[in-house]
C-alpha atoms as a PDB file:
ATOM      1  CA  MET A   1     -79.602  78.081-147.192  1.00  0.00           C
ATOM      2  CA  ARG A   2     -81.014  76.921-143.840  1.00  0.00           C
ATOM      3  CA  ALA A   3     -84.700  77.266-143.026  1.00  0.00           C
ATOM      4  CA  VAL A   4     -87.222  76.086-140.430  1.00  0.00           C
ATOM      5  CA  LEU A   5     -89.795  73.923-142.239  1.00  0.00           C
ATOM      6  CA  ARG A   6     -93.029  71.996-141.789  1.00  0.00           C
ATOM      7  CA  ASP A   7     -95.161  70.236-144.387  1.00  0.00           C
ATOM      8  CA  ARG A   8     -98.368  69.744-142.398  1.00  0.00           C
ATOM      9  CA  TYR A   9    -100.238  71.254-139.491  1.00  0.00           C
ATOM     10  CA  GLY A  10     -99.349  69.523-136.284  1.00  0.00           C
ATOM     11  CA  PRO A  11     -97.264  69.596-133.113  1.00  0.00           C
ATOM     12  CA  ILE A  12     -94.420  72.057-132.726  1.00  0.00           C
ATOM     13  CA  HIS A  13     -91.847  69.299-132.308  1.00  0.00           C
ATOM     14  CA  ALA A  14     -92.458  68.292-135.951  1.00  0.00           C
ATOM     15  CA  LEU A  15     -90.616  71.414-137.121  1.00  0.00           C
ATOM     16  CA  ARG A  16     -87.175  70.851-138.596  1.00  0.00           C
ATOM     17  CA  VAL A  17     -84.220  72.858-139.852  1.00  0.00           C
ATOM     18  CA  GLU A  18     -83.109  71.841-143.346  1.00  0.00           C
ATOM     19  CA  GLU A  19     -80.967  73.036-146.204  1.00  0.00           C
ATOM     20  CA  VAL A  20     -83.153  74.371-149.029  1.00  0.00           C
ATOM     21  CA  GLU A  21     -82.425  76.137-152.273  1.00  0.00           C
ATOM     22  CA  ARG A  22     -81.826  79.854-151.945  1.00  0.00           C
ATOM     23  CA  PRO A  23     -84.580  81.806-153.743  1.00  0.00           C
ATOM     24  CA  VAL A  24     -83.825  83.926-156.800  1.00  0.00           C
ATOM     25  CA  PRO A  25     -85.594  87.309-157.007  1.00  0.00           C
ATOM     26  CA  GLY A  26     -87.949  87.642-159.931  1.00  0.00           C
ATOM     27  CA  GLU A  27     -89.466  90.701-161.537  1.00  0.00           C
ATOM     28  CA  GLY A  28     -90.191  93.338-158.896  1.00  0.00           C
ATOM     29  CA  GLU A  29     -88.709  91.242-156.074  1.00  0.00           C
ATOM     30  CA  ALA A  30     -85.834  91.616-153.620  1.00  0.00           C
ATOM     31  CA  LEU A  31     -83.711  88.954-151.954  1.00  0.00           C
ATOM     32  CA  VAL A  32     -82.906  89.878-148.357  1.00  0.00           C
ATOM     33  CA  ARG A  33     -80.252  88.297-146.178  1.00  0.00           C
ATOM     34  CA  VAL A  34     -81.963  87.785-142.820  1.00  0.00           C
ATOM     35  CA  GLN A  35     -80.031  89.339-139.947  1.00  0.00           C
ATOM     36  CA  ALA A  36     -82.733  88.672-137.341  1.00  0.00           C
ATOM     37  CA  SER A  37     -86.348  87.644-136.917  1.00  0.00           C
ATOM     38  CA  SER A  38     -88.631  87.144-133.914  1.00  0.00           C
ATOM     39  CA  LEU A  39     -91.411  84.888-132.674  1.00  0.00           C
ATOM     40  CA  ASN A  40     -95.105  85.825-132.677  1.00  0.00           C
ATOM     41  CA  ARG A  41     -98.223  83.999-131.559  1.00  0.00           C
ATOM     42  CA  ALA A  42     -99.240  84.008-135.213  1.00  0.00           C
ATOM     43  CA  ASP A  43     -96.300  81.661-135.827  1.00  0.00           C
ATOM     44  CA  LEU A  44     -97.945  79.167-133.478  1.00  0.00           C
ATOM     45  CA  HIS A  45    -101.143  79.352-135.504  1.00  0.00           C
ATOM     46  CA  SER A  46     -99.134  78.811-138.682  1.00  0.00           C
ATOM     47  CA  VAL A  47     -97.532  75.653-137.256  1.00  0.00           C
ATOM     48  CA  THR A  48    -100.530  74.046-135.553  1.00  0.00           C
ATOM     49  CA  GLY A  49    -103.270  75.296-137.875  1.00  0.00           C
ATOM     50  CA  MET A  50    -105.261  76.225-134.766  1.00  0.00           C
ATOM     51  CA  PRO A  51    -107.509  78.018-134.277  1.00  0.00           C
ATOM     52  CA  ARG A  52    -108.999  77.190-137.670  1.00  0.00           C
ATOM     53  CA  LEU A  53    -109.572  80.887-138.298  1.00  0.00           C
ATOM     54  CA  ALA A  54    -105.801  81.132-138.728  1.00  0.00           C
ATOM     55  CA  ARG A  55    -105.924  78.851-141.793  1.00  0.00           C
ATOM     56  CA  ILE A  56    -107.669  81.486-143.880  1.00  0.00           C
ATOM     57  CA  GLY A  57    -104.990  82.667-146.272  1.00  0.00           C
ATOM     58  CA  ILE A  58    -102.374  80.025-145.345  1.00  0.00           C
ATOM     59  CA  GLY A  59    -104.218  76.851-146.375  1.00  0.00           C
ATOM     60  CA  MET A  60    -107.373  75.219-145.027  1.00  0.00           C
ATOM     61  CA  THR A  61    -106.340  71.565-145.258  1.00  0.00           C
ATOM     62  CA  GLY A  62    -102.582  71.996-145.068  1.00  0.00           C
ATOM     63  CA  PRO A  63     -99.985  74.774-145.082  1.00  0.00           C
ATOM     64  CA  ARG A  64     -99.619  76.497-148.411  1.00  0.00           C
ATOM     65  CA  PHE A  65     -96.109  77.650-147.498  1.00  0.00           C
ATOM     66  CA  PRO A  66     -93.511  75.264-146.022  1.00  0.00           C
ATOM     67  CA  LEU A  67     -91.491  77.985-144.278  1.00  0.00           C
ATOM     68  CA  ILE A  68     -92.556  79.894-141.168  1.00  0.00           C
ATOM     69  CA  GLY A  69     -91.735  83.200-139.470  1.00  0.00           C
ATOM     70  CA  LEU A  70     -93.224  86.666-140.004  1.00  0.00           C
ATOM     71  CA  ASP A  71     -90.945  89.361-138.579  1.00  0.00           C
ATOM     72  CA  VAL A  72     -87.748  90.034-140.484  1.00  0.00           C
ATOM     73  CA  ALA A  73     -84.944  92.584-140.446  1.00  0.00           C
ATOM     74  CA  GLY A  74     -82.080  92.247-142.880  1.00  0.00           C
ATOM     75  CA  THR A  75     -79.957  93.513-145.747  1.00  0.00           C
ATOM     76  CA  VAL A  76     -80.906  93.527-149.424  1.00  0.00           C
ATOM     77  CA  GLU A  77     -78.627  91.045-151.194  1.00  0.00           C
ATOM     78  CA  GLU A  78     -79.997  91.138-154.740  1.00  0.00           C
ATOM     79  CA  VAL A  79     -82.904  92.667-156.663  1.00  0.00           C
ATOM     80  CA  GLY A  80     -84.875  91.506-159.682  1.00  0.00           C
ATOM     81  CA  GLY A  81     -85.913  93.480-162.732  1.00  0.00           C
ATOM     82  CA  ASN A  82     -87.879  96.722-162.417  1.00  0.00           C
ATOM     83  CA  VAL A  83     -87.043  97.214-158.747  1.00  0.00           C
ATOM     84  CA  ARG A  84     -86.771 100.957-158.252  1.00  0.00           C
ATOM     85  CA  GLY A  85     -86.848 101.599-154.516  1.00  0.00           C
ATOM     86  CA  LEU A  86     -84.295  99.064-153.225  1.00  0.00           C
ATOM     87  CA  ALA A  87     -80.655  98.318-153.913  1.00  0.00           C
ATOM     88  CA  PRO A  88     -78.131  95.802-152.566  1.00  0.00           C
ATOM     89  CA  GLY A  89     -76.919  96.908-149.164  1.00  0.00           C
ATOM     90  CA  ASP A  90     -80.180  98.577-148.091  1.00  0.00           C
ATOM     91  CA  GLU A  91     -81.246  97.676-144.554  1.00  0.00           C
ATOM     92  CA  VAL A  92     -84.934  96.826-144.322  1.00  0.00           C
ATOM     93  CA  TRP A  93     -87.651  95.327-142.130  1.00  0.00           C
ATOM     94  CA  ALA A  94     -91.014  93.717-142.897  1.00  0.00           C
ATOM     95  CA  ASP A  95     -93.908  91.541-141.813  1.00  0.00           C
ATOM     96  CA  LEU A  96     -94.037  88.622-144.236  1.00  0.00           C
ATOM     97  CA  SER A  97     -97.748  87.920-143.635  1.00  0.00           C
ATOM     98  CA  PRO A  98     -98.782  89.121-147.122  1.00  0.00           C
ATOM     99  CA  VAL A  99     -96.469  86.573-148.758  1.00  0.00           C
ATOM    100  CA  GLY A 100     -97.103  83.731-146.319  1.00  0.00           C
ATOM    101  CA  SER A 101     -94.022  83.500-144.100  1.00  0.00           C
ATOM    102  CA  GLY A 102     -90.367  82.534-144.252  1.00  0.00           C
ATOM    103  CA  ALA A 103     -88.433  84.732-141.793  1.00  0.00           C
ATOM    104  CA  PHE A 104     -86.868  81.753-139.981  1.00  0.00           C
ATOM    105  CA  ALA A 105     -84.310  81.255-142.731  1.00  0.00           C
ATOM    106  CA  ASP A 106     -81.018  82.636-144.007  1.00  0.00           C
ATOM    107  CA  TYR A 107     -82.735  84.526-146.848  1.00  0.00           C
ATOM    108  CA  VAL A 108     -86.217  85.735-147.741  1.00  0.00           C
ATOM    109  CA  CYS A 109     -87.500  86.789-151.150  1.00  0.00           C
ATOM    110  CA  ALA A 110     -90.579  88.966-151.625  1.00  0.00           C
ATOM    111  CA  ALA A 111     -92.044  91.828-153.643  1.00  0.00           C
ATOM    112  CA  GLU A 112     -90.221  95.121-153.270  1.00  0.00           C
ATOM    113  CA  GLY A 113     -93.254  96.774-151.675  1.00  0.00           C
ATOM    114  CA  ILE A 114     -93.167  94.420-148.678  1.00  0.00           C
ATOM    115  CA  PHE A 115     -89.950  95.983-147.370  1.00  0.00           C
ATOM    116  CA  SER A 116     -89.401  99.370-145.706  1.00  0.00           C
ATOM    117  CA  PRO A 117     -86.221 101.068-144.383  1.00  0.00           C
ATOM    118  CA  ARG A 118     -85.533  99.837-140.867  1.00  0.00           C
ATOM    119  CA  PRO A 119     -84.995 102.333-138.000  1.00  0.00           C
ATOM    120  CA  ALA A 120     -81.438 103.624-138.307  1.00  0.00           C
ATOM    121  CA  LYS A 121     -80.680 104.044-134.611  1.00  0.00           C
ATOM    122  CA  ILE A 122     -81.486 100.538-133.399  1.00  0.00           C
ATOM    123  CA  GLY A 123     -79.962  97.176-134.235  1.00  0.00           C
ATOM    124  CA  PHE A 124     -81.308  94.425-136.449  1.00  0.00           C
ATOM    125  CA  GLU A 125     -82.418  92.338-133.474  1.00  0.00           C
ATOM    126  CA  GLU A 126     -84.456  95.168-131.959  1.00  0.00           C
ATOM    127  CA  ALA A 127     -85.935  96.021-135.363  1.00  0.00           C
ATOM    128  CA  ALA A 128     -86.947  92.397-135.928  1.00  0.00           C
ATOM    129  CA  THR A 129     -89.272  92.469-132.912  1.00  0.00           C
ATOM    130  CA  MET A 130     -91.570  95.164-134.305  1.00  0.00           C
ATOM    131  CA  PRO A 131     -93.093  94.837-137.805  1.00  0.00           C
ATOM    132  CA  HIS A 132     -95.881  92.417-136.795  1.00  0.00           C
ATOM    133  CA  SER A 133     -96.454  92.976-133.075  1.00  0.00           C
ATOM    134  CA  ALA A 134     -95.906  96.726-132.872  1.00  0.00           C
ATOM    135  CA  ILE A 135     -98.115  97.401-135.906  1.00  0.00           C
ATOM    136  CA  LEU A 136    -100.898  95.353-134.293  1.00  0.00           C
ATOM    137  CA  ALA A 137    -100.510  97.457-131.145  1.00  0.00           C
ATOM    138  CA  LEU A 138    -100.460 100.773-133.004  1.00  0.00           C
ATOM    139  CA  GLN A 139    -103.427 100.024-135.248  1.00  0.00           C
ATOM    140  CA  GLY A 140    -105.452  98.609-132.353  1.00  0.00           C
ATOM    141  CA  LEU A 141    -104.914 101.779-130.344  1.00  0.00           C
ATOM    142  CA  ARG A 142    -105.785 103.968-133.351  1.00  0.00           C
ATOM    143  CA  ALA A 143    -108.952 102.035-134.195  1.00  0.00           C
ATOM    144  CA  TRP A 144    -112.100 103.814-135.362  1.00  0.00           C
ATOM    145  CA  GLY A 145    -110.136 106.930-136.267  1.00  0.00           C
ATOM    146  CA  ARG A 146    -110.011 108.113-132.677  1.00  0.00           C
ATOM    147  CA  PRO A 147    -106.385 108.852-131.762  1.00  0.00           C
ATOM    148  CA  ILE A 148    -105.125 108.768-128.200  1.00  0.00           C
ATOM    149  CA  SER A 149    -104.858 112.181-126.532  1.00  0.00           C
ATOM    150  CA  PRO A 150    -102.846 113.250-123.471  1.00  0.00           C
ATOM    151  CA  GLY A 151    -104.673 112.280-120.298  1.00  0.00           C
ATOM    152  CA  HIS A 152    -106.703 109.479-121.871  1.00  0.00           C
ATOM    153  CA  GLN A 153    -107.225 106.409-119.733  1.00  0.00           C
ATOM    154  CA  VAL A 154    -106.013 103.377-121.720  1.00  0.00           C
ATOM    155  CA  LEU A 155    -106.454  99.740-120.713  1.00  0.00           C
ATOM    156  CA  ILE A 156    -104.267  97.027-122.263  1.00  0.00           C
ATOM    157  CA  ASN A 157    -105.617  93.546-121.486  1.00  0.00           C
ATOM    158  CA  GLY A 158    -102.878  90.954-122.021  1.00  0.00           C
ATOM    159  CA  ALA A 159    -100.134  93.571-121.772  1.00  0.00           C
ATOM    160  CA  GLY A 160     -97.277  91.171-121.050  1.00  0.00           C
ATOM    161  CA  GLY A 161     -97.065  89.192-124.304  1.00  0.00           C
ATOM    162  CA  CYS A 162     -95.618  89.917-127.739  1.00  0.00           C
ATOM    163  CA  VAL A 163     -97.925  92.858-128.554  1.00  0.00           C
ATOM    164  CA  GLY A 164     -98.731  94.286-125.122  1.00  0.00           C
ATOM    165  CA  PRO A 165     -95.428  95.937-124.165  1.00  0.00           C
ATOM    166  CA  PHE A 166     -95.439  97.836-127.471  1.00  0.00           C
ATOM    167  CA  ALA A 167     -99.028  98.936-126.833  1.00  0.00           C
ATOM    168  CA  VAL A 168     -98.113 100.260-123.387  1.00  0.00           C
ATOM    169  CA  ARG A 169     -95.165 102.237-124.694  1.00  0.00           C
ATOM    170  CA  ILE A 170     -97.048 103.610-127.708  1.00  0.00           C
ATOM    171  CA  ALA A 171     -99.938 104.760-125.499  1.00  0.00           C
ATOM    172  CA  LYS A 172     -97.509 106.373-123.044  1.00  0.00           C
ATOM    173  CA  SER A 173     -95.755 108.165-125.923  1.00  0.00           C
ATOM    174  CA  HIS A 174     -99.101 109.868-126.651  1.00  0.00           C
ATOM    175  CA  GLY A 175     -99.486 111.048-123.068  1.00  0.00           C
ATOM    176  CA  ALA A 176    -102.018 108.447-121.912  1.00  0.00           C
ATOM    177  CA  GLU A 177    -102.399 107.012-118.425  1.00  0.00           C
ATOM    178  CA  VAL A 178    -102.047 103.264-118.967  1.00  0.00           C
ATOM    179  CA  THR A 179    -103.369 100.277-117.040  1.00  0.00           C
ATOM    180  CA  GLY A 180    -101.805  96.927-117.927  1.00  0.00           C
ATOM    181  CA  VAL A 181    -103.523  93.619-117.180  1.00  0.00           C
ATOM    182  CA  ASP A 182    -101.837  90.223-117.116  1.00  0.00           C
ATOM    183  CA  SER A 183    -100.845  87.337-114.834  1.00  0.00           C
ATOM    184  CA  THR A 184     -98.952  87.525-111.542  1.00  0.00           C
ATOM    185  CA  ALA A 185     -95.620  86.618-113.152  1.00  0.00           C
ATOM    186  CA  LYS A 186     -95.793  89.602-115.511  1.00  0.00           C
ATOM    187  CA  MET A 187     -96.502  92.427-113.063  1.00  0.00           C
ATOM    188  CA  ASP A 188     -92.857  93.538-112.884  1.00  0.00           C
ATOM    189  CA  LEU A 189     -92.619  93.506-116.679  1.00  0.00           C
ATOM    190  CA  LEU A 190     -95.669  95.773-116.994  1.00  0.00           C
ATOM    191  CA  ARG A 191     -94.169  98.248-114.541  1.00  0.00           C
ATOM    192  CA  ALA A 192     -90.835  98.136-116.373  1.00  0.00           C
ATOM    193  CA  VAL A 193     -92.396  99.088-119.720  1.00  0.00           C
ATOM    194  CA  GLY A 194     -94.140 102.080-118.150  1.00  0.00           C
ATOM    195  CA  ALA A 195     -97.665 101.038-117.131  1.00  0.00           C
ATOM    196  CA  ASP A 196     -99.047 103.509-114.567  1.00  0.00           C
ATOM    197  CA  HIS A 197    -101.281 100.843-113.040  1.00  0.00           C
ATOM    198  CA  VAL A 198    -101.011  97.053-113.135  1.00  0.00           C
ATOM    199  CA  VAL A 199    -103.784  94.521-112.566  1.00  0.00           C
ATOM    200  CA  ASP A 200    -103.276  90.839-111.870  1.00  0.00           C
ATOM    201  CA  PHE A 201    -106.280  89.220-113.529  1.00  0.00           C
ATOM    202  CA  THR A 202    -106.017  86.225-111.192  1.00  0.00           C
ATOM    203  CA  ARG A 203    -106.789  88.515-108.243  1.00  0.00           C
ATOM    204  CA  GLU A 204    -108.872  91.384-109.613  1.00  0.00           C
ATOM    205  CA  ASP A 205    -111.607  91.843-112.199  1.00  0.00           C
ATOM    206  CA  VAL A 206    -110.591  94.981-114.074  1.00  0.00           C
ATOM    207  CA  THR A 207    -114.085  95.359-115.549  1.00  0.00           C
ATOM    208  CA  ARG A 208    -115.471  95.888-112.031  1.00  0.00           C
ATOM    209  CA  ASN A 209    -112.945  98.325-110.593  1.00  0.00           C
ATOM    210  CA  GLY A 210    -115.154 101.365-111.215  1.00  0.00           C
ATOM    211  CA  VAL A 211    -112.724 102.970-113.690  1.00  0.00           C
ATOM    212  CA  SER A 212    -113.878 104.039-117.157  1.00  0.00           C
ATOM    213  CA  TYR A 213    -111.392 103.889-120.013  1.00  0.00           C
ATOM    214  CA  ASP A 214    -111.173 105.948-123.201  1.00  0.00           C
ATOM    215  CA  ARG A 215    -109.396 103.147-125.071  1.00  0.00           C
ATOM    216  CA  ILE A 216    -109.374  99.416-124.391  1.00  0.00           C
ATOM    217  CA  LEU A 217    -107.100  97.107-126.374  1.00  0.00           C
ATOM    218  CA  ASP A 218    -107.952  93.477-125.669  1.00  0.00           C
ATOM    219  CA  ILE A 219    -105.083  91.189-126.626  1.00  0.00           C
ATOM    220  CA  ALA A 220    -105.769  88.342-124.187  1.00  0.00           C
ATOM    221  CA  THR A 221    -109.403  87.836-125.375  1.00  0.00           C
ATOM    222  CA  HIS A 222    -110.282  85.670-122.368  1.00  0.00           C
ATOM    223  CA  ARG A 223    -113.324  87.774-121.485  1.00  0.00           C
ATOM    224  CA  SER A 224    -116.586  88.433-123.266  1.00  0.00           C
ATOM    225  CA  VAL A 225    -116.904  91.707-125.132  1.00  0.00           C
ATOM    226  CA  PHE A 226    -119.917  92.375-122.885  1.00  0.00           C
ATOM    227  CA  ASP A 227    -117.693  92.422-119.812  1.00  0.00           C
ATOM    228  CA  PHE A 228    -115.765  95.400-121.132  1.00  0.00           C
ATOM    229  CA  ARG A 229    -118.702  97.527-122.223  1.00  0.00           C
ATOM    230  CA  ARG A 230    -119.258  98.736-118.668  1.00  0.00           C
ATOM    231  CA  SER A 231    -115.635  99.948-118.567  1.00  0.00           C
ATOM    232  CA  LEU A 232    -115.884 102.367-121.515  1.00  0.00           C
ATOM    233  CA  THR A 233    -116.335 106.123-121.312  1.00  0.00           C
ATOM    234  CA  PRO A 234    -119.263 107.533-123.344  1.00  0.00           C
ATOM    235  CA  ASP A 235    -116.988 108.097-126.378  1.00  0.00           C
ATOM    236  CA  GLY A 236    -114.617 105.234-125.621  1.00  0.00           C
ATOM    237  CA  THR A 237    -113.456 102.499-127.992  1.00  0.00           C
ATOM    238  CA  TYR A 238    -112.781  98.800-127.494  1.00  0.00           C
ATOM    239  CA  SER A 239    -110.608  96.868-129.967  1.00  0.00           C
ATOM    240  CA  MET A 240    -109.972  93.138-129.861  1.00  0.00           C
ATOM    241  CA  ILE A 241    -107.079  91.335-131.513  1.00  0.00           C
ATOM    242  CA  ALA A 242    -109.096  88.203-132.266  1.00  0.00           C
ATOM    243  CA  ASP A 243    -107.504  84.811-131.621  1.00  0.00           C
ATOM    244  CA  GLY A 244    -110.338  82.472-132.633  1.00  0.00           C
ATOM    245  CA  LEU A 245    -113.692  82.188-134.354  1.00  0.00           C
ATOM    246  CA  GLY A 246    -115.588  82.760-131.114  1.00  0.00           C
ATOM    247  CA  ASP A 247    -113.638  85.942-130.442  1.00  0.00           C
ATOM    248  CA  LEU A 248    -114.132  87.100-134.010  1.00  0.00           C
ATOM    249  CA  PHE A 249    -117.879  86.630-134.147  1.00  0.00           C
ATOM    250  CA  GLY A 250    -118.450  87.880-130.601  1.00  0.00           C
ATOM    251  CA  ALA A 251    -116.593  91.129-131.165  1.00  0.00           C
ATOM    252  CA  ALA A 252    -117.818  91.622-134.729  1.00  0.00           C
ATOM    253  CA  ILE A 253    -121.498  90.919-134.139  1.00  0.00           C
ATOM    254  CA  PHE A 254    -122.187  91.898-130.536  1.00  0.00           C
ATOM    255  CA  GLY A 255    -119.639  94.690-130.604  1.00  0.00           C
ATOM    256  CA  SER A 256    -121.267  96.169-133.692  1.00  0.00           C
ATOM    257  CA  LEU A 257    -124.742  95.985-132.127  1.00  0.00           C
ATOM    258  CA  PHE A 258    -123.459  97.688-128.996  1.00  0.00           C
ATOM    259  CA  SER A 259    -121.772 100.375-131.086  1.00  0.00           C
ATOM    260  CA  ILE A 260    -124.991 101.142-132.947  1.00  0.00           C
ATOM    261  CA  ARG A 261    -126.971 101.413-129.722  1.00  0.00           C
ATOM    262  CA  THR A 262    -124.528 103.520-127.709  1.00  0.00           C
ATOM    263  CA  GLY A 263    -122.071 105.267-130.017  1.00  0.00           C
ATOM    264  CA  ARG A 264    -119.189 103.645-128.167  1.00  0.00           C
ATOM    265  CA  ARG A 265    -117.190 101.715-130.734  1.00  0.00           C
ATOM    266  CA  MET A 266    -116.470  98.043-130.046  1.00  0.00           C
ATOM    267  CA  GLY A 267    -115.127  95.459-132.469  1.00  0.00           C
ATOM    268  CA  ILE A 268    -112.149  93.772-134.083  1.00  0.00           C
ATOM    269  CA  ALA A 269    -108.936  95.765-134.248  1.00  0.00           C
ATOM    270  CA  PRO A 270    -108.050  96.688-137.837  1.00  0.00           C
ATOM    271  CA  TRP A 271    -104.856  95.252-139.243  1.00  0.00           C
ATOM    272  CA  LYS A 272    -102.913  96.353-142.298  1.00  0.00           C
ATOM    273  CA  PRO A 273     -99.485  94.687-142.409  1.00  0.00           C
ATOM    274  CA  ASN A 274     -96.547  96.814-143.564  1.00  0.00           C
ATOM    275  CA  ASP A 275     -98.588 100.005-143.487  1.00  0.00           C
ATOM    276  CA  ARG A 276     -96.047 102.621-144.544  1.00  0.00           C
ATOM    277  CA  ASP A 277     -97.350 105.415-142.318  1.00  0.00           C
ATOM    278  CA  GLY A 278     -97.543 103.089-139.336  1.00  0.00           C
ATOM    279  CA  LEU A 279     -94.033 101.727-139.833  1.00  0.00           C
ATOM    280  CA  ALA A 280     -92.697 105.259-140.260  1.00  0.00           C
ATOM    281  CA  HIS A 281     -94.302 106.242-136.949  1.00  0.00           C
ATOM    282  CA  LEU A 282     -92.851 103.178-135.225  1.00  0.00           C
ATOM    283  CA  SER A 283     -89.467 103.945-136.753  1.00  0.00           C
ATOM    284  CA  ASP A 284     -89.590 107.483-135.355  1.00  0.00           C
ATOM    285  CA  LEU A 285     -90.476 106.180-131.887  1.00  0.00           C
ATOM    286  CA  ALA A 286     -87.727 103.547-132.058  1.00  0.00           C
ATOM    287  CA  ASN A 287     -85.120 106.089-133.169  1.00  0.00           C
ATOM    288  CA  GLN A 288     -86.145 108.341-130.266  1.00  0.00           C
ATOM    289  CA  GLY A 289     -85.621 105.477-127.818  1.00  0.00           C
ATOM    290  CA  VAL A 290     -89.315 105.468-126.895  1.00  0.00           C
ATOM    291  CA  LEU A 291     -90.191 102.061-128.362  1.00  0.00           C
ATOM    292  CA  GLU A 292     -87.461  99.897-126.867  1.00  0.00           C
ATOM    293  CA  PRO A 293     -88.550  96.244-127.170  1.00  0.00           C
ATOM    294  CA  VAL A 294     -88.630  93.745-124.341  1.00  0.00           C
ATOM    295  CA  ILE A 295     -86.434  90.829-125.417  1.00  0.00           C
ATOM    296  CA  ASP A 296     -86.866  87.591-123.501  1.00  0.00           C
ATOM    297  CA  ARG A 297     -83.836  85.920-125.087  1.00  0.00           C
ATOM    298  CA  ARG A 298     -81.889  85.428-128.298  1.00  0.00           C
ATOM    299  CA  ILE A 299     -81.756  82.059-130.035  1.00  0.00           C
ATOM    300  CA  GLY A 300     -80.555  80.343-133.213  1.00  0.00           C
ATOM    301  CA  LEU A 301     -82.639  78.637-135.879  1.00  0.00           C
ATOM    302  CA  GLU A 302     -82.239  75.221-134.258  1.00  0.00           C
ATOM    303  CA  GLU A 303     -83.869  76.501-131.065  1.00  0.00           C
ATOM    304  CA  VAL A 304     -87.024  77.832-132.745  1.00  0.00           C
ATOM    305  CA  PRO A 305     -89.204  74.758-131.920  1.00  0.00           C
ATOM    306  CA  ILE A 306     -88.333  74.905-128.207  1.00  0.00           C
ATOM    307  CA  ALA A 307     -88.890  78.659-128.085  1.00  0.00           C
ATOM    308  CA  LEU A 308     -92.274  78.312-129.820  1.00  0.00           C
ATOM    309  CA  LEU A 309     -93.283  75.734-127.228  1.00  0.00           C
ATOM    310  CA  ASP A 310     -92.296  78.153-124.454  1.00  0.00           C
ATOM    311  CA  LEU A 311     -94.335  80.886-126.150  1.00  0.00           C
ATOM    312  CA  GLN A 312     -97.329  78.564-126.449  1.00  0.00           C
ATOM    313  CA  GLN A 313     -97.166  77.711-122.753  1.00  0.00           C
ATOM    314  CA  GLY A 314     -96.755  81.319-121.599  1.00  0.00           C
ATOM    315  CA  ARG A 315     -93.160  81.009-120.428  1.00  0.00           C
ATOM    316  CA  THR A 316     -91.789  84.017-122.339  1.00  0.00           C
ATOM    317  CA  LEU A 317     -91.647  87.658-121.278  1.00  0.00           C
ATOM    318  CA  GLY A 318     -91.722  89.887-124.326  1.00  0.00           C
ATOM    319  CA  LYS A 319     -90.153  88.827-127.614  1.00  0.00           C
ATOM    320  CA  VAL A 320     -87.835  85.958-128.513  1.00  0.00           C
ATOM    321  CA  VAL A 321     -85.322  87.033-131.168  1.00  0.00           C
ATOM    322  CA  VAL A 322     -83.902  84.618-133.725  1.00  0.00           C
ATOM    323  CA  GLY A 323     -80.403  85.644-134.761  1.00  0.00           C
ATOM    324  CA  ILE A 324     -79.542  84.259-138.189  1.00  0.00           C
END
C-alpha cells in the first residue's frame, strides 16, 4: 500500500510517499480501507516535532511512528479475532491520535474501539474533516461542565482555521450569539460559517471592545490568558487549545489561580479523542446539515507535503481533504 512517511523530525519537504506492507489486523483490531483523510495542525507538530510539547506521546528524540495523519473515514476491509462490533463493509470514522497516526495511507489498522460509525448522510470526504478538529471544538465549548445556552455570547479566537469553523457552527446550533476573530483574509469565511460578529485582530483588540462573553474558546493562543479575563462574564469560561509549553503553563497555572479567586473558569480545553458521546452528537449535527465543513481543497497523497506547508504558512481556509 502507499503511505506518507518520515523517519525523523524535520522539514516538511522531507516527507515522502512510499510503498509499504499492508498491515494485518490482530486480535481485537480492524483493517480499514481509507476513503479520505484531512490535514490538521497536529500533523505539522508530528512532522516537525515542534513545539516540543507535541513530542509527548509520539517520541521525544524521534518519531515513534513512521506514518502521519490523524483524521480518517473509510470502510472496514477485514477484522481480527474477537472483534464484535465491526464487520467488513462497515463505514467508520476516527481520530488516530490514540494509536499514533497513519491516516495518510491506503489502509489503517487499529483497535476496534478506535472506530465509530460515520454520519450516514454525508460523504467520506466531509466525514474525514471532523473526528479531530470538530471534537476539539465541541469539547472546548463544553469545558467545565457548563453547556452553551440560547442567547449566550460566545467568542471564538482563531475562528478561521481547522477547528474554528466547527466551533462557530456548533455554538450557533446551541442558539449562541457568536463572535469570530481572525485575520483580514478570513473575515468572509467567518461570515459564511455563521458568525454574528467578526473581528479582524490586526485592526481591533477584541479584549477591549467592552463586550463580556459567556464562553471564550481560544484556538489562536497569540494572547496572554490575562488579556481575556476582562472579557468574561461573572460565570463565564475560557478554554485554550494549547499549542506550546508557554501556552500550556500560562493557561494551566495562571488560569487556575484566576479561577480560584473569581469563580470564572479559565484553563486548558479538555480533550478526549474518539469520545463516543461527542462523536454521536457531531454525527447528529452533520446528518442534520448543521455541521457542514469548510473544505479548502481536495488533494492526493503526493500533494500532502505541499498542503502541509500551506497550512503551516496560513494559506488554507478550512480543511484540506486527502482523497485516497
